[in-house]
Amino acid sequence: MTLDSLKENEQATIIAINNDGLALQLLSMGFILGEKIKLERIAPLNDPIIISSGNNYISIRKKDAQQITISKS
């Protein structure tokens, strides 16, 4: 399952980031493998989405969210 399939207010755990460049960017912002995340909001036109992890919030394009493998909690 990938991050783009979550609905608002659903939580999941990051299993893998299948793009090295994206992984580097997310890891530098504090998002790590095995960490719980929550989909906070989806923009009115369905792109981008806002996810949170702890006190960190990030806006991410759906195209990039498709590269993040998750496990629903």
PDB file of N, CA and C in Angstrom:
ATOM      1  N   MET A   1       0.856  -1.169   0.000  1.00  0.00           N
ATOM      2  CA  MET A   1       0.000   0.000   0.000  1.00  0.00           C
ATOM      3  C   MET A   1       0.905   1.237   0.000  1.00  0.00           C
ATOM      4  N   THR A   2       0.490   2.276  -0.710  1.00  0.00           N
ATOM      5  CA  THR A   2       1.310   3.492  -0.767  1.00  0.00           C
ATOM      6  C   THR A   2       0.593   4.658  -0.093  1.00  0.00           C
ATOM      7  N   LEU A   3       1.368   5.673   0.228  1.00  0.00           N
ATOM      8  CA  LEU A   3       0.861   6.815   0.986  1.00  0.00           C
ATOM      9  C   LEU A   3      -0.289   7.523   0.290  1.00  0.00           C
ATOM     10  N   ASP A   4      -0.310   7.557  -1.020  1.00  0.00           N
ATOM     11  CA  ASP A   4      -1.378   8.263  -1.734  1.00  0.00           C
ATOM     12  C   ASP A   4      -2.746   7.607  -1.565  1.00  0.00           C
ATOM     13  N   SER A   5      -2.807   6.393  -1.039  1.00  0.00           N
ATOM     14  CA  SER A   5      -4.089   5.707  -0.858  1.00  0.00           C
ATOM     15  C   SER A   5      -4.753   5.992   0.491  1.00  0.00           C
ATOM     16  N   LEU A   6      -4.065   6.703   1.379  1.00  0.00           N
ATOM     17  CA  LEU A   6      -4.669   7.053   2.673  1.00  0.00           C
ATOM     18  C   LEU A   6      -5.752   8.107   2.495  1.00  0.00           C
ATOM     19  N   LYS A   7      -6.688   8.127   3.422  1.00  0.00           N
ATOM     20  CA  LYS A   7      -7.713   9.156   3.472  1.00  0.00           C
ATOM     21  C   LYS A   7      -7.394  10.092   4.633  1.00  0.00           C
ATOM     22  N   GLU A   8      -8.038  11.243   4.663  1.00  0.00           N
ATOM     23  CA  GLU A   8      -7.784  12.215   5.729  1.00  0.00           C
ATOM     24  C   GLU A   8      -7.975  11.584   7.106  1.00  0.00           C
ATOM     25  N   ASN A   9      -7.081  11.931   8.018  1.00  0.00           N
ATOM     26  CA  ASN A   9      -7.067  11.496   9.412  1.00  0.00           C
ATOM     27  C   ASN A   9      -6.693  10.034   9.618  1.00  0.00           C
ATOM     28  N   GLU A  10      -6.312   9.319   8.564  1.00  0.00           N
ATOM     29  CA  GLU A  10      -5.842   7.946   8.722  1.00  0.00           C
ATOM     30  C   GLU A  10      -4.355   7.947   9.065  1.00  0.00           C
ATOM     31  N   GLN A  11      -3.954   6.944   9.837  1.00  0.00           N
ATOM     32  CA  GLN A  11      -2.557   6.811  10.239  1.00  0.00           C
ATOM     33  C   GLN A  11      -1.933   5.576   9.615  1.00  0.00           C
ATOM     34  N   ALA A  12      -0.620   5.630   9.472  1.00  0.00           N
ATOM     35  CA  ALA A  12       0.109   4.504   8.899  1.00  0.00           C
ATOM     36  C   ALA A  12       1.559   4.583   9.360  1.00  0.00           C
ATOM     37  N   THR A  13       2.315   3.544   9.046  1.00  0.00           N
ATOM     38  CA  THR A  13       3.740   3.489   9.352  1.00  0.00           C
ATOM     39  C   THR A  13       4.511   3.439   8.047  1.00  0.00           C
ATOM     40  N   ILE A  14       5.579   4.228   7.961  1.00  0.00           N
ATOM     41  CA  ILE A  14       6.411   4.232   6.761  1.00  0.00           C
ATOM     42  C   ILE A  14       7.234   2.948   6.732  1.00  0.00           C
ATOM     43  N   ILE A  15       7.089   2.186   5.659  1.00  0.00           N
ATOM     44  CA  ILE A  15       7.828   0.932   5.486  1.00  0.00           C
ATOM     45  C   ILE A  15       9.046   1.136   4.595  1.00  0.00           C
ATOM     46  N   ALA A  16       8.867   1.865   3.484  1.00  0.00           N
ATOM     47  CA  ALA A  16       9.966   2.085   2.540  1.00  0.00           C
ATOM     48  C   ALA A  16       9.704   3.334   1.725  1.00  0.00           C
ATOM     49  N   ILE A  17      10.794   3.967   1.283  1.00  0.00           N
ATOM     50  CA  ILE A  17      10.715   5.084   0.348  1.00  0.00           C
ATOM     51  C   ILE A  17      11.456   4.619  -0.892  1.00  0.00           C
ATOM     52  N   ASN A  18      10.731   4.442  -1.984  1.00  0.00           N
ATOM     53  CA  ASN A  18      11.259   3.786  -3.165  1.00  0.00           C
ATOM     54  C   ASN A  18      11.905   4.727  -4.177  1.00  0.00           C
ATOM     55  N   ASN A  19      12.360   5.870  -3.711  1.00  0.00           N
ATOM     56  CA  ASN A  19      13.036   6.844  -4.560  1.00  0.00           C
ATOM     57  C   ASN A  19      14.150   7.448  -3.721  1.00  0.00           C
ATOM     58  N   ASP A  20      15.398   7.250  -4.131  1.00  0.00           N
ATOM     59  CA  ASP A  20      16.534   7.681  -3.307  1.00  0.00           C
ATOM     60  C   ASP A  20      16.544   9.186  -3.047  1.00  0.00           C
ATOM     61  N   GLY A  21      16.229   9.987  -4.061  1.00  0.00           N
ATOM     62  CA  GLY A  21      16.212  11.442  -3.891  1.00  0.00           C
ATOM     63  C   GLY A  21      15.141  11.875  -2.912  1.00  0.00           C
ATOM     64  N   LEU A  22      13.964  11.308  -3.049  1.00  0.00           N
ATOM     65  CA  LEU A  22      12.860  11.618  -2.145  1.00  0.00           C
ATOM     66  C   LEU A  22      13.181  11.145  -0.732  1.00  0.00           C
ATOM     67  N   ALA A  23      13.775   9.965  -0.623  1.00  0.00           N
ATOM     68  CA  ALA A  23      14.145   9.434   0.692  1.00  0.00           C
ATOM     69  C   ALA A  23      15.108  10.379   1.397  1.00  0.00           C
ATOM     70  N   LEU A  24      16.087  10.880   0.680  1.00  0.00           N
ATOM     71  CA  LEU A  24      17.062  11.803   1.261  1.00  0.00           C
ATOM     72  C   LEU A  24      16.388  13.078   1.743  1.00  0.00           C
ATOM     73  N   GLN A  25      15.471  13.617   0.928  1.00  0.00           N
ATOM     74  CA  GLN A  25      14.754  14.832   1.311  1.00  0.00           C
ATOM     75  C   GLN A  25      13.901  14.606   2.555  1.00  0.00           C
ATOM     76  N   LEU A  26      13.140  13.514   2.572  1.00  0.00           N
ATOM     77  CA  LEU A  26      12.258  13.243   3.714  1.00  0.00           C
ATOM     78  C   LEU A  26      13.049  12.944   4.979  1.00  0.00           C
ATOM     79  N   LEU A  27      14.116  12.172   4.842  1.00  0.00           N
ATOM     80  CA  LEU A  27      14.935  11.842   6.009  1.00  0.00           C
ATOM     81  C   LEU A  27      15.586  13.090   6.592  1.00  0.00           C
ATOM     82  N   SER A  28      15.977  14.032   5.736  1.00  0.00           N
ATOM     83  CA  SER A  28      16.587  15.269   6.224  1.00  0.00           C
ATOM     84  C   SER A  28      15.571  16.155   6.941  1.00  0.00           C
ATOM     85  N   MET A  29      14.268  15.926   6.677  1.00  0.00           N
ATOM     86  CA  MET A  29      13.216  16.695   7.342  1.00  0.00           C
ATOM     87  C   MET A  29      12.663  15.977   8.566  1.00  0.00           C
ATOM     88  N   GLY A  30      13.228  14.820   8.905  1.00  0.00           N
ATOM     89  CA  GLY A  30      12.822  14.143  10.120  1.00  0.00           C
ATOM     90  C   GLY A  30      11.855  12.996   9.952  1.00  0.00           C
ATOM     91  N   PHE A  31      11.506  12.633   8.737  1.00  0.00           N
ATOM     92  CA  PHE A  31      10.631  11.491   8.502  1.00  0.00           C
ATOM     93  C   PHE A  31      11.502  10.258   8.320  1.00  0.00           C
ATOM     94  N   ILE A  32      11.322   9.270   9.189  1.00  0.00           N
ATOM     95  CA  ILE A  32      12.188   8.094   9.158  1.00  0.00           C
ATOM     96  C   ILE A  32      11.371   6.821   8.976  1.00  0.00           C
ATOM     97  N   LEU A  33      12.018   5.800   8.471  1.00  0.00           N
ATOM     98  CA  LEU A  33      11.357   4.505   8.280  1.00  0.00           C
ATOM     99  C   LEU A  33      10.902   3.954   9.626  1.00  0.00           C
ATOM    100  N   GLY A  34       9.736   3.342   9.657  1.00  0.00           N
ATOM    101  CA  GLY A  34       9.201   2.779  10.887  1.00  0.00           C
ATOM    102  C   GLY A  34       8.439   3.774  11.735  1.00  0.00           C
ATOM    103  N   GLU A  35       8.384   4.999  11.294  1.00  0.00           N
ATOM    104  CA  GLU A  35       7.712   6.042  12.061  1.00  0.00           C
ATOM    105  C   GLU A  35       6.240   6.145  11.657  1.00  0.00           C
ATOM    106  N   LYS A  36       5.382   6.452  12.637  1.00  0.00           N
ATOM    107  CA  LYS A  36       3.961   6.640  12.360  1.00  0.00           C
ATOM    108  C   LYS A  36       3.744   8.021  11.755  1.00  0.00           C
ATOM    109  N   ILE A  37       2.886   8.058  10.740  1.00  0.00           N
ATOM    110  CA  ILE A  37       2.504   9.314  10.109  1.00  0.00           C
ATOM    111  C   ILE A  37       0.995   9.394  10.055  1.00  0.00           C
ATOM    112  N   LYS A  38       0.487  10.589   9.810  1.00  0.00           N
ATOM    113  CA  LYS A  38      -0.955  10.801   9.701  1.00  0.00           C
ATOM    114  C   LYS A  38      -1.206  11.712   8.515  1.00  0.00           C
ATOM    115  N   LEU A  39      -2.183  11.374   7.694  1.00  0.00           N
ATOM    116  CA  LEU A  39      -2.570  12.248   6.596  1.00  0.00           C
ATOM    117  C   LEU A  39      -3.508  13.301   7.174  1.00  0.00           C
ATOM    118  N   GLU A  40      -3.036  14.526   7.244  1.00  0.00           N
ATOM    119  CA  GLU A  40      -3.796  15.610   7.866  1.00  0.00           C
ATOM    120  C   GLU A  40      -4.851  16.194   6.929  1.00  0.00           C
ATOM    121  N   ARG A  41      -4.423  16.542   5.718  1.00  0.00           N
ATOM    122  CA  ARG A  41      -5.329  17.195   4.776  1.00  0.00           C
ATOM    123  C   ARG A  41      -4.997  16.829   3.346  1.00  0.00           C
ATOM    124  N   ILE A  42      -6.016  16.874   2.515  1.00  0.00           N
ATOM    125  CA  ILE A  42      -5.860  16.735   1.077  1.00  0.00           C
ATOM    126  C   ILE A  42      -6.328  18.044   0.459  1.00  0.00           C
ATOM    127  N   ALA A  43      -5.522  18.625  -0.420  1.00  0.00           N
ATOM    128  CA  ALA A  43      -5.857  19.895  -1.051  1.00  0.00           C
ATOM    129  C   ALA A  43      -7.159  19.764  -1.858  1.00  0.00           C
ATOM    130  N   PRO A  44      -7.842  20.879  -2.096  1.00  0.00           N
ATOM    131  CA  PRO A  44      -9.127  20.831  -2.807  1.00  0.00           C
ATOM    132  C   PRO A  44      -9.083  20.118  -4.161  1.00  0.00           C
ATOM    133  N   LEU A  45      -7.988  20.204  -4.881  1.00  0.00           N
ATOM    134  CA  LEU A  45      -7.886  19.521  -6.175  1.00  0.00           C
ATOM    135  C   LEU A  45      -7.160  18.184  -6.054  1.00  0.00           C
ATOM    136  N   ASN A  46      -7.103  17.642  -4.825  1.00  0.00           N
ATOM    137  CA  ASN A  46      -6.505  16.341  -4.502  1.00  0.00           C
ATOM    138  C   ASN A  46      -4.985  16.287  -4.615  1.00  0.00           C
ATOM    139  N   ASP A  47      -4.336  17.408  -4.746  1.00  0.00           N
ATOM    140  CA  ASP A  47      -2.878  17.416  -4.808  1.00  0.00           C
ATOM    141  C   ASP A  47      -2.396  18.798  -4.435  1.00  0.00           C
ATOM    142  N   PRO A  48      -1.532  18.982  -3.485  1.00  0.00           N
ATOM    143  CA  PRO A  48      -0.772  18.011  -2.703  1.00  0.00           C
ATOM    144  C   PRO A  48      -1.539  17.543  -1.467  1.00  0.00           C
ATOM    145  N   ILE A  49      -0.861  16.708  -0.657  1.00  0.00           N
ATOM    146  CA  ILE A  49      -1.419  16.260   0.616  1.00  0.00           C
ATOM    147  C   ILE A  49      -0.491  16.728   1.734  1.00  0.00           C
ATOM    148  N   ILE A  50      -1.036  16.869   2.929  1.00  0.00           N
ATOM    149  CA  ILE A  50      -0.234  17.266   4.090  1.00  0.00           C
ATOM    150  C   ILE A  50      -0.185  16.091   5.045  1.00  0.00           C
ATOM    151  N   ILE A  51       1.031  15.666   5.389  1.00  0.00           N
ATOM    152  CA  ILE A  51       1.206  14.581   6.344  1.00  0.00           C
ATOM    153  C   ILE A  51       1.957  15.096   7.560  1.00  0.00           C
ATOM    154  N   SER A  52       1.732  14.443   8.685  1.00  0.00           N
ATOM    155  CA  SER A  52       2.430  14.831   9.910  1.00  0.00           C
ATOM    156  C   SER A  52       3.092  13.614  10.538  1.00  0.00           C
ATOM    157  N   SER A  53       4.158  13.923  11.243  1.00  0.00           N
ATOM    158  CA  SER A  53       4.877  12.915  12.013  1.00  0.00           C
ATOM    159  C   SER A  53       5.412  13.625  13.237  1.00  0.00           C
ATOM    160  N   GLY A  54       4.865  13.290  14.390  1.00  0.00           N
ATOM    161  CA  GLY A  54       5.254  14.028  15.594  1.00  0.00           C
ATOM    162  C   GLY A  54       4.844  15.481  15.446  1.00  0.00           C
ATOM    163  N   ASN A  55       5.818  16.398  15.556  1.00  0.00           N
ATOM    164  CA  ASN A  55       5.540  17.829  15.402  1.00  0.00           C
ATOM    165  C   ASN A  55       5.883  18.331  14.010  1.00  0.00           C
ATOM    166  N   ASN A  56       6.252  17.444  13.107  1.00  0.00           N
ATOM    167  CA  ASN A  56       6.634  17.835  11.750  1.00  0.00           C
ATOM    168  C   ASN A  56       5.445  17.706  10.802  1.00  0.00           C
ATOM    169  N   TYR A  57       5.275  18.702   9.946  1.00  0.00           N
ATOM    170  CA  TYR A  57       4.263  18.676   8.901  1.00  0.00           C
ATOM    171  C   TYR A  57       4.956  18.888   7.572  1.00  0.00           C
ATOM    172  N   ILE A  58       4.483  18.184   6.546  1.00  0.00           N
ATOM    173  CA  ILE A  58       5.069  18.333   5.223  1.00  0.00           C
ATOM    174  C   ILE A  58       3.969  18.217   4.181  1.00  0.00           C
ATOM    175  N   SER A  59       4.095  19.017   3.152  1.00  0.00           N
ATOM    176  CA  SER A  59       3.203  18.940   2.013  1.00  0.00           C
ATOM    177  C   SER A  59       3.937  18.147   0.938  1.00  0.00           C
ATOM    178  N   ILE A  60       3.263  17.168   0.365  1.00  0.00           N
ATOM    179  CA  ILE A  60       3.905  16.283  -0.606  1.00  0.00           C
ATOM    180  C   ILE A  60       2.962  16.042  -1.784  1.00  0.00           C
ATOM    181  N   ARG A  61       3.522  15.995  -2.964  1.00  0.00           N
ATOM    182  CA  ARG A  61       2.719  15.719  -4.160  1.00  0.00           C
ATOM    183  C   ARG A  61       2.279  14.259  -4.165  1.00  0.00           C
ATOM    184  N   LYS A  62       1.123  14.005  -4.742  1.00  0.00           N
ATOM    185  CA  LYS A  62       0.624  12.626  -4.816  1.00  0.00           C
ATOM    186  C   LYS A  62       1.590  11.749  -5.599  1.00  0.00           C
ATOM    187  N   LYS A  63       2.230  12.311  -6.629  1.00  0.00           N
ATOM    188  CA  LYS A  63       3.197  11.557  -7.429  1.00  0.00           C
ATOM    189  C   LYS A  63       4.330  11.037  -6.534  1.00  0.00           C
ATOM    190  N   ASP A  64       4.775  11.868  -5.588  1.00  0.00           N
ATOM    191  CA  ASP A  64       5.821  11.441  -4.658  1.00  0.00           C
ATOM    192  C   ASP A  64       5.263  10.493  -3.599  1.00  0.00           C
ATOM    193  N   ALA A  65       4.013  10.710  -3.193  1.00  0.00           N
ATOM    194  CA  ALA A  65       3.382   9.835  -2.194  1.00  0.00           C
ATOM    195  C   ALA A  65       3.254   8.408  -2.711  1.00  0.00           C
ATOM    196  N   GLN A  66       3.177   8.248  -4.028  1.00  0.00           N
ATOM    197  CA  GLN A  66       3.098   6.911  -4.620  1.00  0.00           C
ATOM    198  C   GLN A  66       4.406   6.147  -4.460  1.00  0.00           C
ATOM    199  N   GLN A  67       5.490   6.843  -4.136  1.00  0.00           N
ATOM    200  CA  GLN A  67       6.800   6.219  -3.960  1.00  0.00           C
ATOM    201  C   GLN A  67       7.046   5.764  -2.524  1.00  0.00           C
ATOM    202  N   ILE A  68       6.091   6.043  -1.619  1.00  0.00           N
ATOM    203  CA  ILE A  68       6.259   5.729  -0.199  1.00  0.00           C
ATOM    204  C   ILE A  68       5.355   4.561   0.174  1.00  0.00           C
ATOM    205  N   THR A  69       5.975   3.445   0.545  1.00  0.00           N
ATOM    206  CA  THR A  69       5.226   2.254   0.953  1.00  0.00           C
ATOM    207  C   THR A  69       4.903   2.369   2.435  1.00  0.00           C
ATOM    208  N   ILE A  70       3.635   2.083   2.775  1.00  0.00           N
ATOM    209  CA  ILE A  70       3.182   2.207   4.163  1.00  0.00           C
ATOM    210  C   ILE A  70       2.462   0.940   4.599  1.00  0.00           C
ATOM    211  N   SER A  71       2.262   0.864   5.909  1.00  0.00           N
ATOM    212  CA  SER A  71       1.440  -0.187   6.505  1.00  0.00           C
ATOM    213  C   SER A  71       0.420   0.531   7.374  1.00  0.00           C
ATOM    214  N   LYS A  72      -0.865   0.295   7.125  1.00  0.00           N
ATOM    215  CA  LYS A  72      -1.890   0.962   7.920  1.00  0.00           C
ATOM    216  C   LYS A  72      -1.854   0.512   9.361  1.00  0.00           C
ATOM    217  N   SER A  73      -2.125   1.458  10.265  1.00  0.00           N
ATOM    218  CA  SER A  73      -2.129   1.141  11.694  1.00  0.00           C
ATOM    219  C   SER A  73      -3.549   0.942  12.174  1.00  0.00           C
TER     220      SER A  73
END
